Amino acid sequence: MLDKKSPIPAYFRLKQIIKDDIKRQDLKPGDPLPSEREYCERFGLSRMTVRQALKELELEGVIVREKGRGSFVAIPRLEQEGIMSFTEMVKAKGMKPETEVIEFERFSAEELGNVLAIDSQEEIFKISRLRKASGMPVAVETVFIPVLLVPDLGTLDLTGSLYHLLSSRYGIEVRNSRTSFSAVLSTPELETLLMLAGSTPLLKVESVYFHTKPLFYEVSYYRSDQFKITVNLSR
């Protein structure tokens, strides 16, 4: 029970208790918090006091609250600045990168031939992957890459950094990219993969990556609450 004689408001003390639990990693990014009822019973608080504490933690970005599911420890927002792999972004936040390959296909380039500067009859690989940070789904990423560039790609482990694979296996370094961003609404398929509770705004990122010529084309859908991109501009 919290000391009711303390001059510090009860909601503020509950906030600090929850923050301490997160700092000690008793609660980790993506973990569910105890229910409002559990907090009320554990500390002898009213439902209103608990809700005020949770609301302020949500406004501070410490937790996320999902209707019908409860409250969860927020995953530190990933930030991309310049050309960074997903693996690099996740490790920079002290989290564990995880990848699940959800689709691997091989077909003619057709309309993507112009994008990749290859003949439309050449074949390309399509690799769709679910990217996670410490177990929390963050992005669905689809890469289109010429077969002639990476002929044995289908035999390799695709759960790590594609940048690293291109460099270590094929001696190809990504030097620059052309990228566009747009806001879109989630589809039922993306909602399932990203564990979203209904229609949610997503950040769509489309990029063509280059060495001296196009290497691959990538389309990614990021949870907008877990990702941001920093772009350095100059004149």
C-alpha atoms as a PDB file:
ATOM      1  CA  MET A   1       0.000   0.000   0.000  1.00  0.00           C
ATOM      2  CA  LEU A   2       1.158   3.543  -0.708  1.00  0.00           C
ATOM      3  CA  ASP A   3       1.427   5.899   2.259  1.00  0.00           C
ATOM      4  CA  LYS A   4      -1.682   8.075   2.051  1.00  0.00           C
ATOM      5  CA  LYS A   5      -0.084  10.680   4.329  1.00  0.00           C
ATOM      6  CA  SER A   6       2.687  11.439   1.839  1.00  0.00           C
ATOM      7  CA  PRO A   7       2.564  14.970   0.369  1.00  0.00           C
ATOM      8  CA  ILE A   8       3.469  13.503  -3.064  1.00  0.00           C
ATOM      9  CA  PRO A   9       0.352  12.671  -5.091  1.00  0.00           C
ATOM     10  CA  ALA A  10      -0.402   8.956  -5.302  1.00  0.00           C
ATOM     11  CA  TYR A  11      -0.623   8.950  -9.108  1.00  0.00           C
ATOM     12  CA  PHE A  12       2.901  10.438  -9.306  1.00  0.00           C
ATOM     13  CA  ARG A  13       4.318   7.804  -6.973  1.00  0.00           C
ATOM     14  CA  LEU A  14       2.678   5.042  -9.030  1.00  0.00           C
ATOM     15  CA  LYS A  15       4.274   6.512 -12.160  1.00  0.00           C
ATOM     16  CA  GLN A  16       7.685   6.307 -10.504  1.00  0.00           C
ATOM     17  CA  ILE A  17       7.080   2.711  -9.408  1.00  0.00           C
ATOM     18  CA  ILE A  18       6.243   1.710 -12.986  1.00  0.00           C
ATOM     19  CA  LYS A  19       9.255   3.612 -14.351  1.00  0.00           C
ATOM     20  CA  ASP A  20      11.498   1.870 -11.814  1.00  0.00           C
ATOM     21  CA  ASP A  21      10.090  -1.518 -12.866  1.00  0.00           C
ATOM     22  CA  ILE A  22      11.005  -0.676 -16.462  1.00  0.00           C
ATOM     23  CA  LYS A  23      14.452   0.639 -15.511  1.00  0.00           C
ATOM     24  CA  ARG A  24      15.222  -2.577 -13.591  1.00  0.00           C
ATOM     25  CA  GLN A  25      13.851  -4.526 -16.564  1.00  0.00           C
ATOM     26  CA  ASP A  26      11.203  -6.205 -14.441  1.00  0.00           C
ATOM     27  CA  LEU A  27       9.078  -4.879 -17.297  1.00  0.00           C
ATOM     28  CA  LYS A  28      10.756  -5.001 -20.716  1.00  0.00           C
ATOM     29  CA  PRO A  29       9.854  -3.243 -23.990  1.00  0.00           C
ATOM     30  CA  GLY A  30       6.667  -4.787 -25.365  1.00  0.00           C
ATOM     31  CA  ASP A  31       5.667  -6.410 -22.046  1.00  0.00           C
ATOM     32  CA  PRO A  32       2.072  -5.914 -20.846  1.00  0.00           C
ATOM     33  CA  LEU A  33       1.571  -3.929 -17.668  1.00  0.00           C
ATOM     34  CA  PRO A  34      -0.597  -5.306 -14.867  1.00  0.00           C
ATOM     35  CA  SER A  35      -4.258  -4.360 -15.260  1.00  0.00           C
ATOM     36  CA  GLU A  36      -5.759  -1.255 -13.664  1.00  0.00           C
ATOM     37  CA  ARG A  37      -7.541  -3.523 -11.204  1.00  0.00           C
ATOM     38  CA  GLU A  38      -4.261  -5.174 -10.157  1.00  0.00           C
ATOM     39  CA  TYR A  39      -2.660  -1.793  -9.490  1.00  0.00           C
ATOM     40  CA  CYS A  40      -5.708  -0.703  -7.473  1.00  0.00           C
ATOM     41  CA  GLU A  41      -5.592  -3.811  -5.310  1.00  0.00           C
ATOM     42  CA  ARG A  42      -1.798  -3.901  -4.927  1.00  0.00           C
ATOM     43  CA  PHE A  43      -1.398  -0.275  -3.816  1.00  0.00           C
ATOM     44  CA  GLY A  44      -4.829   0.542  -2.375  1.00  0.00           C
ATOM     45  CA  LEU A  45      -5.585   3.130  -5.065  1.00  0.00           C
ATOM     46  CA  SER A  46      -8.740   4.262  -6.779  1.00  0.00           C
ATOM     47  CA  ARG A  47      -9.302   3.424 -10.459  1.00  0.00           C
ATOM     48  CA  MET A  48      -9.170   7.166 -11.248  1.00  0.00           C
ATOM     49  CA  THR A  49      -5.713   7.520  -9.653  1.00  0.00           C
ATOM     50  CA  VAL A  50      -4.345   4.542 -11.600  1.00  0.00           C
ATOM     51  CA  ARG A  51      -5.803   5.848 -14.864  1.00  0.00           C
ATOM     52  CA  GLN A  52      -4.207   9.254 -14.318  1.00  0.00           C
ATOM     53  CA  ALA A  53      -0.796   7.642 -13.785  1.00  0.00           C
ATOM     54  CA  LEU A  54      -1.156   5.499 -16.920  1.00  0.00           C
ATOM     55  CA  LYS A  55      -2.415   8.415 -18.988  1.00  0.00           C
ATOM     56  CA  GLU A  56       0.620  10.524 -18.076  1.00  0.00           C
ATOM     57  CA  LEU A  57       2.996   7.642 -18.794  1.00  0.00           C
ATOM     58  CA  GLU A  58       1.362   7.302 -22.211  1.00  0.00           C
ATOM     59  CA  LEU A  59       1.767  11.033 -22.905  1.00  0.00           C
ATOM     60  CA  GLU A  60       5.435  10.750 -21.932  1.00  0.00           C
ATOM     61  CA  GLY A  61       5.897   7.858 -24.353  1.00  0.00           C
ATOM     62  CA  VAL A  62       6.810   5.408 -21.600  1.00  0.00           C
ATOM     63  CA  ILE A  63       3.876   3.079 -22.329  1.00  0.00           C
ATOM     64  CA  VAL A  64       1.385   2.512 -25.123  1.00  0.00           C
ATOM     65  CA  ARG A  65      -2.276   1.769 -24.469  1.00  0.00           C
ATOM     66  CA  GLU A  66      -4.307  -0.305 -26.900  1.00  0.00           C
ATOM     67  CA  LYS A  67      -8.089  -0.461 -26.732  1.00  0.00           C
ATOM     68  CA  GLY A  68      -9.262  -3.881 -25.681  1.00  0.00           C
ATOM     69  CA  ARG A  69      -5.718  -5.140 -25.029  1.00  0.00           C
ATOM     70  CA  GLY A  70      -4.375  -3.026 -22.162  1.00  0.00           C
ATOM     71  CA  SER A  71      -1.127  -1.139 -21.576  1.00  0.00           C
ATOM     72  CA  PHE A  72       2.342  -2.154 -22.774  1.00  0.00           C
ATOM     73  CA  VAL A  73       5.860  -0.910 -22.177  1.00  0.00           C
ATOM     74  CA  ALA A  74       6.755   1.240 -25.182  1.00  0.00           C
ATOM     75  CA  ILE A  75       9.563   0.090 -27.412  1.00  0.00           C
ATOM     76  CA  PRO A  76      12.140   2.885 -27.807  1.00  0.00           C
ATOM     77  CA  ARG A  77      11.383   4.445 -31.181  1.00  0.00           C
ATOM     78  CA  LEU A  78      13.839   3.331 -33.839  1.00  0.00           C
ATOM     79  CA  GLU A  79      15.546   6.142 -35.714  1.00  0.00           C
ATOM     80  CA  GLN A  80      17.132   5.956 -39.123  1.00  0.00           C
ATOM     81  CA  GLU A  81      19.603   8.663 -40.020  1.00  0.00           C
ATOM     82  CA  GLY A  82      21.252   8.203 -43.376  1.00  0.00           C
ATOM     83  CA  ILE A  83      21.731   4.718 -44.795  1.00  0.00           C
ATOM     84  CA  MET A  84      21.324   2.248 -41.923  1.00  0.00           C
ATOM     85  CA  SER A  85      20.201  -1.347 -41.924  1.00  0.00           C
ATOM     86  CA  PHE A  86      17.322  -2.396 -39.698  1.00  0.00           C
ATOM     87  CA  THR A  87      19.776  -4.500 -37.713  1.00  0.00           C
ATOM     88  CA  GLU A  88      21.968  -1.449 -37.067  1.00  0.00           C
ATOM     89  CA  MET A  89      18.965   0.653 -35.992  1.00  0.00           C
ATOM     90  CA  VAL A  90      17.741  -1.932 -33.495  1.00  0.00           C
ATOM     91  CA  LYS A  91      21.170  -2.588 -31.986  1.00  0.00           C
ATOM     92  CA  ALA A  92      21.714   1.168 -31.602  1.00  0.00           C
ATOM     93  CA  LYS A  93      18.736   1.176 -29.210  1.00  0.00           C
ATOM     94  CA  GLY A  94      20.133  -1.711 -27.193  1.00  0.00           C
ATOM     95  CA  MET A  95      17.514  -4.152 -28.464  1.00  0.00           C
ATOM     96  CA  LYS A  96      17.725  -7.511 -30.188  1.00  0.00           C
ATOM     97  CA  PRO A  97      16.952  -7.571 -33.938  1.00  0.00           C
ATOM     98  CA  GLU A  98      14.863 -10.494 -35.155  1.00  0.00           C
ATOM     99  CA  THR A  99      13.665 -11.366 -38.652  1.00  0.00           C
ATOM    100  CA  GLU A 100      11.077 -13.784 -40.004  1.00  0.00           C
ATOM    101  CA  VAL A 101      11.085 -14.526 -43.746  1.00  0.00           C
ATOM    102  CA  ILE A 102       7.420 -14.622 -44.780  1.00  0.00           C
ATOM    103  CA  GLU A 103       7.789 -14.849 -48.573  1.00  0.00           C
ATOM    104  CA  PHE A 104      10.505 -15.748 -51.083  1.00  0.00           C
ATOM    105  CA  GLU A 105       9.754 -15.791 -54.813  1.00  0.00           C
ATOM    106  CA  ARG A 106      11.521 -15.644 -58.165  1.00  0.00           C
ATOM    107  CA  PHE A 107       9.910 -14.108 -61.258  1.00  0.00           C
ATOM    108  CA  SER A 108      10.455 -11.828 -64.275  1.00  0.00           C
ATOM    109  CA  ALA A 109      11.274  -8.206 -63.517  1.00  0.00           C
ATOM    110  CA  GLU A 110       8.596  -6.803 -65.880  1.00  0.00           C
ATOM    111  CA  GLU A 111       7.716  -3.239 -64.784  1.00  0.00           C
ATOM    112  CA  LEU A 112      10.467  -3.263 -62.140  1.00  0.00           C
ATOM    113  CA  GLY A 113      13.044  -3.591 -64.896  1.00  0.00           C
ATOM    114  CA  ASN A 114      13.025   0.195 -65.339  1.00  0.00           C
ATOM    115  CA  VAL A 115      13.456   0.740 -61.607  1.00  0.00           C
ATOM    116  CA  LEU A 116      16.414  -1.639 -61.390  1.00  0.00           C
ATOM    117  CA  ALA A 117      17.881  -0.683 -64.796  1.00  0.00           C
ATOM    118  CA  ILE A 118      17.670  -4.258 -66.104  1.00  0.00           C
ATOM    119  CA  ASP A 119      15.825  -5.940 -68.960  1.00  0.00           C
ATOM    120  CA  SER A 120      12.171  -6.624 -68.140  1.00  0.00           C
ATOM    121  CA  GLN A 121      12.719 -10.325 -68.934  1.00  0.00           C
ATOM    122  CA  GLU A 122      15.492 -10.735 -66.389  1.00  0.00           C
ATOM    123  CA  GLU A 123      14.539 -12.504 -63.192  1.00  0.00           C
ATOM    124  CA  ILE A 124      14.401 -10.952 -59.749  1.00  0.00           C
ATOM    125  CA  PHE A 125      14.039 -12.316 -56.248  1.00  0.00           C
ATOM    126  CA  LYS A 126      11.254 -11.018 -54.019  1.00  0.00           C
ATOM    127  CA  ILE A 127      11.944 -11.354 -50.293  1.00  0.00           C
ATOM    128  CA  SER A 128       9.344 -10.262 -47.739  1.00  0.00           C
ATOM    129  CA  ARG A 129      10.436 -10.185 -44.115  1.00  0.00           C
ATOM    130  CA  LEU A 130       8.832  -9.307 -40.796  1.00  0.00           C
ATOM    131  CA  ARG A 131      11.319  -7.256 -38.780  1.00  0.00           C
ATOM    132  CA  LYS A 132      11.154  -7.250 -34.983  1.00  0.00           C
ATOM    133  CA  ALA A 133      12.877  -5.419 -32.144  1.00  0.00           C
ATOM    134  CA  SER A 134      13.177  -7.525 -28.984  1.00  0.00           C
ATOM    135  CA  GLY A 135      10.182  -9.587 -30.094  1.00  0.00           C
ATOM    136  CA  MET A 136       7.924  -6.652 -31.044  1.00  0.00           C
ATOM    137  CA  PRO A 137       6.936  -6.470 -34.752  1.00  0.00           C
ATOM    138  CA  VAL A 138       8.054  -3.103 -36.152  1.00  0.00           C
ATOM    139  CA  ALA A 139       8.097  -3.401 -39.941  1.00  0.00           C
ATOM    140  CA  VAL A 140       7.172  -5.502 -42.949  1.00  0.00           C
ATOM    141  CA  GLU A 141       9.900  -5.151 -45.566  1.00  0.00           C
ATOM    142  CA  THR A 142       9.873  -6.397 -49.165  1.00  0.00           C
ATOM    143  CA  VAL A 143      13.034  -6.385 -51.289  1.00  0.00           C
ATOM    144  CA  PHE A 144      13.294  -6.909 -55.058  1.00  0.00           C
ATOM    145  CA  ILE A 145      16.809  -7.754 -56.247  1.00  0.00           C
ATOM    146  CA  PRO A 146      18.166  -9.087 -59.591  1.00  0.00           C
ATOM    147  CA  VAL A 147      18.929 -12.819 -59.614  1.00  0.00           C
ATOM    148  CA  LEU A 148      22.097 -12.256 -61.653  1.00  0.00           C
ATOM    149  CA  LEU A 149      23.445 -10.071 -58.851  1.00  0.00           C
ATOM    150  CA  VAL A 150      22.915 -12.659 -56.095  1.00  0.00           C
ATOM    151  CA  PRO A 151      22.291 -16.010 -57.846  1.00  0.00           C
ATOM    152  CA  ASP A 152      22.473 -18.221 -54.737  1.00  0.00           C
ATOM    153  CA  LEU A 153      20.469 -15.943 -52.454  1.00  0.00           C
ATOM    154  CA  GLY A 154      17.791 -18.574 -51.895  1.00  0.00           C
ATOM    155  CA  THR A 155      20.292 -20.881 -50.190  1.00  0.00           C
ATOM    156  CA  LEU A 156      21.450 -18.273 -47.661  1.00  0.00           C
ATOM    157  CA  ASP A 157      20.277 -17.154 -44.239  1.00  0.00           C
ATOM    158  CA  LEU A 158      18.104 -14.102 -44.837  1.00  0.00           C
ATOM    159  CA  THR A 159      17.305 -13.332 -41.207  1.00  0.00           C
ATOM    160  CA  GLY A 160      20.165 -10.863 -40.781  1.00  0.00           C
ATOM    161  CA  SER A 161      21.260  -7.616 -42.421  1.00  0.00           C
ATOM    162  CA  LEU A 162      20.980  -7.616 -46.216  1.00  0.00           C
ATOM    163  CA  TYR A 163      23.627  -4.861 -46.337  1.00  0.00           C
ATOM    164  CA  HIS A 164      26.061  -7.119 -44.488  1.00  0.00           C
ATOM    165  CA  LEU A 165      25.195 -10.100 -46.688  1.00  0.00           C
ATOM    166  CA  LEU A 166      25.807  -8.123 -49.892  1.00  0.00           C
ATOM    167  CA  SER A 167      29.137  -6.893 -48.542  1.00  0.00           C
ATOM    168  CA  SER A 168      30.460 -10.122 -47.016  1.00  0.00           C
ATOM    169  CA  ARG A 169      29.166 -12.591 -49.604  1.00  0.00           C
ATOM    170  CA  TYR A 170      29.253 -10.631 -52.847  1.00  0.00           C
ATOM    171  CA  GLY A 171      31.639  -7.752 -52.180  1.00  0.00           C
ATOM    172  CA  ILE A 172      28.920  -5.199 -52.959  1.00  0.00           C
ATOM    173  CA  GLU A 173      28.682  -2.020 -50.869  1.00  0.00           C
ATOM    174  CA  VAL A 174      25.529   0.106 -50.686  1.00  0.00           C
ATOM    175  CA  ARG A 175      26.668   3.665 -51.347  1.00  0.00           C
ATOM    176  CA  ASN A 176      23.517   5.744 -51.622  1.00  0.00           C
ATOM    177  CA  SER A 177      19.762   5.563 -52.045  1.00  0.00           C
ATOM    178  CA  ARG A 178      16.770   7.381 -53.439  1.00  0.00           C
ATOM    179  CA  THR A 179      13.955   7.265 -50.900  1.00  0.00           C
ATOM    180  CA  SER A 180      10.375   8.507 -50.649  1.00  0.00           C
ATOM    181  CA  PHE A 181       8.033   8.500 -47.648  1.00  0.00           C
ATOM    182  CA  SER A 182       4.250   8.452 -47.439  1.00  0.00           C
ATOM    183  CA  ALA A 183       1.572   7.908 -44.815  1.00  0.00           C
ATOM    184  CA  VAL A 184      -0.819   5.020 -45.454  1.00  0.00           C
ATOM    185  CA  LEU A 185      -3.446   3.085 -43.543  1.00  0.00           C
ATOM    186  CA  SER A 186      -2.791  -0.509 -42.588  1.00  0.00           C
ATOM    187  CA  THR A 187      -4.388  -3.424 -44.406  1.00  0.00           C
ATOM    188  CA  PRO A 188      -5.823  -6.478 -42.607  1.00  0.00           C
ATOM    189  CA  GLU A 189      -2.713  -8.476 -43.571  1.00  0.00           C
ATOM    190  CA  LEU A 190      -0.342  -5.845 -42.159  1.00  0.00           C
ATOM    191  CA  GLU A 191      -2.462  -5.513 -39.020  1.00  0.00           C
ATOM    192  CA  THR A 192      -2.051  -9.236 -38.375  1.00  0.00           C
ATOM    193  CA  LEU A 193       1.707  -9.238 -39.012  1.00  0.00           C
ATOM    194  CA  LEU A 194       2.377  -6.078 -36.984  1.00  0.00           C
ATOM    195  CA  MET A 195      -0.046  -7.027 -34.185  1.00  0.00           C
ATOM    196  CA  LEU A 196      -2.157  -3.918 -34.634  1.00  0.00           C
ATOM    197  CA  ALA A 197      -5.596  -3.482 -33.095  1.00  0.00           C
ATOM    198  CA  GLY A 198      -7.454  -2.391 -36.238  1.00  0.00           C
ATOM    199  CA  SER A 199      -6.778   0.245 -38.875  1.00  0.00           C
ATOM    200  CA  THR A 200      -3.612   2.176 -37.998  1.00  0.00           C
ATOM    201  CA  PRO A 201      -1.467   4.833 -39.752  1.00  0.00           C
ATOM    202  CA  LEU A 202       1.779   3.385 -41.079  1.00  0.00           C
ATOM    203  CA  LEU A 203       4.870   4.946 -42.619  1.00  0.00           C
ATOM    204  CA  LYS A 204       5.524   3.599 -46.107  1.00  0.00           C
ATOM    205  CA  VAL A 205       9.158   3.872 -47.181  1.00  0.00           C
ATOM    206  CA  GLU A 206      10.172   3.167 -50.796  1.00  0.00           C
ATOM    207  CA  SER A 207      13.869   3.085 -51.655  1.00  0.00           C
ATOM    208  CA  VAL A 208      16.168   2.228 -54.515  1.00  0.00           C
ATOM    209  CA  TYR A 209      19.669   1.428 -53.263  1.00  0.00           C
ATOM    210  CA  PHE A 210      22.733   1.978 -55.441  1.00  0.00           C
ATOM    211  CA  HIS A 211      26.378   1.029 -55.778  1.00  0.00           C
ATOM    212  CA  THR A 212      27.258   2.556 -59.145  1.00  0.00           C
ATOM    213  CA  LYS A 213      23.924   1.316 -60.517  1.00  0.00           C
ATOM    214  CA  PRO A 214      20.691   0.157 -58.839  1.00  0.00           C
ATOM    215  CA  LEU A 215      21.182  -2.812 -56.517  1.00  0.00           C
ATOM    216  CA  PHE A 216      17.711  -3.437 -55.153  1.00  0.00           C
ATOM    217  CA  TYR A 217      14.300  -1.876 -54.649  1.00  0.00           C
ATOM    218  CA  GLU A 218      12.692  -1.991 -51.213  1.00  0.00           C
ATOM    219  CA  VAL A 219       9.182  -1.239 -49.950  1.00  0.00           C
ATOM    220  CA  SER A 220       8.698  -1.193 -46.178  1.00  0.00           C
ATOM    221  CA  TYR A 221       5.746  -0.506 -43.895  1.00  0.00           C
ATOM    222  CA  TYR A 222       6.721   0.712 -40.423  1.00  0.00           C
ATOM    223  CA  ARG A 223       4.624   1.138 -37.318  1.00  0.00           C
ATOM    224  CA  SER A 224       4.427   4.912 -37.043  1.00  0.00           C
ATOM    225  CA  ASP A 225       4.552   4.725 -33.231  1.00  0.00           C
ATOM    226  CA  GLN A 226       7.858   2.855 -33.298  1.00  0.00           C
ATOM    227  CA  PHE A 227       9.883   4.454 -36.062  1.00  0.00           C
ATOM    228  CA  LYS A 228      11.132   7.782 -37.337  1.00  0.00           C
ATOM    229  CA  ILE A 229      13.518   8.879 -40.053  1.00  0.00           C
ATOM    230  CA  THR A 230      15.891  11.822 -39.731  1.00  0.00           C
ATOM    231  CA  VAL A 231      16.940  13.434 -42.997  1.00  0.00           C
ATOM    232  CA  ASN A 232      19.863  15.860 -43.169  1.00  0.00           C
ATOM    233  CA  LEU A 233      19.330  18.534 -45.806  1.00  0.00           C
ATOM    234  CA  SER A 234      21.688  21.223 -47.036  1.00  0.00           C
ATOM    235  CA  ARG A 235      21.679  23.970 -49.626  1.00  0.00           C
END
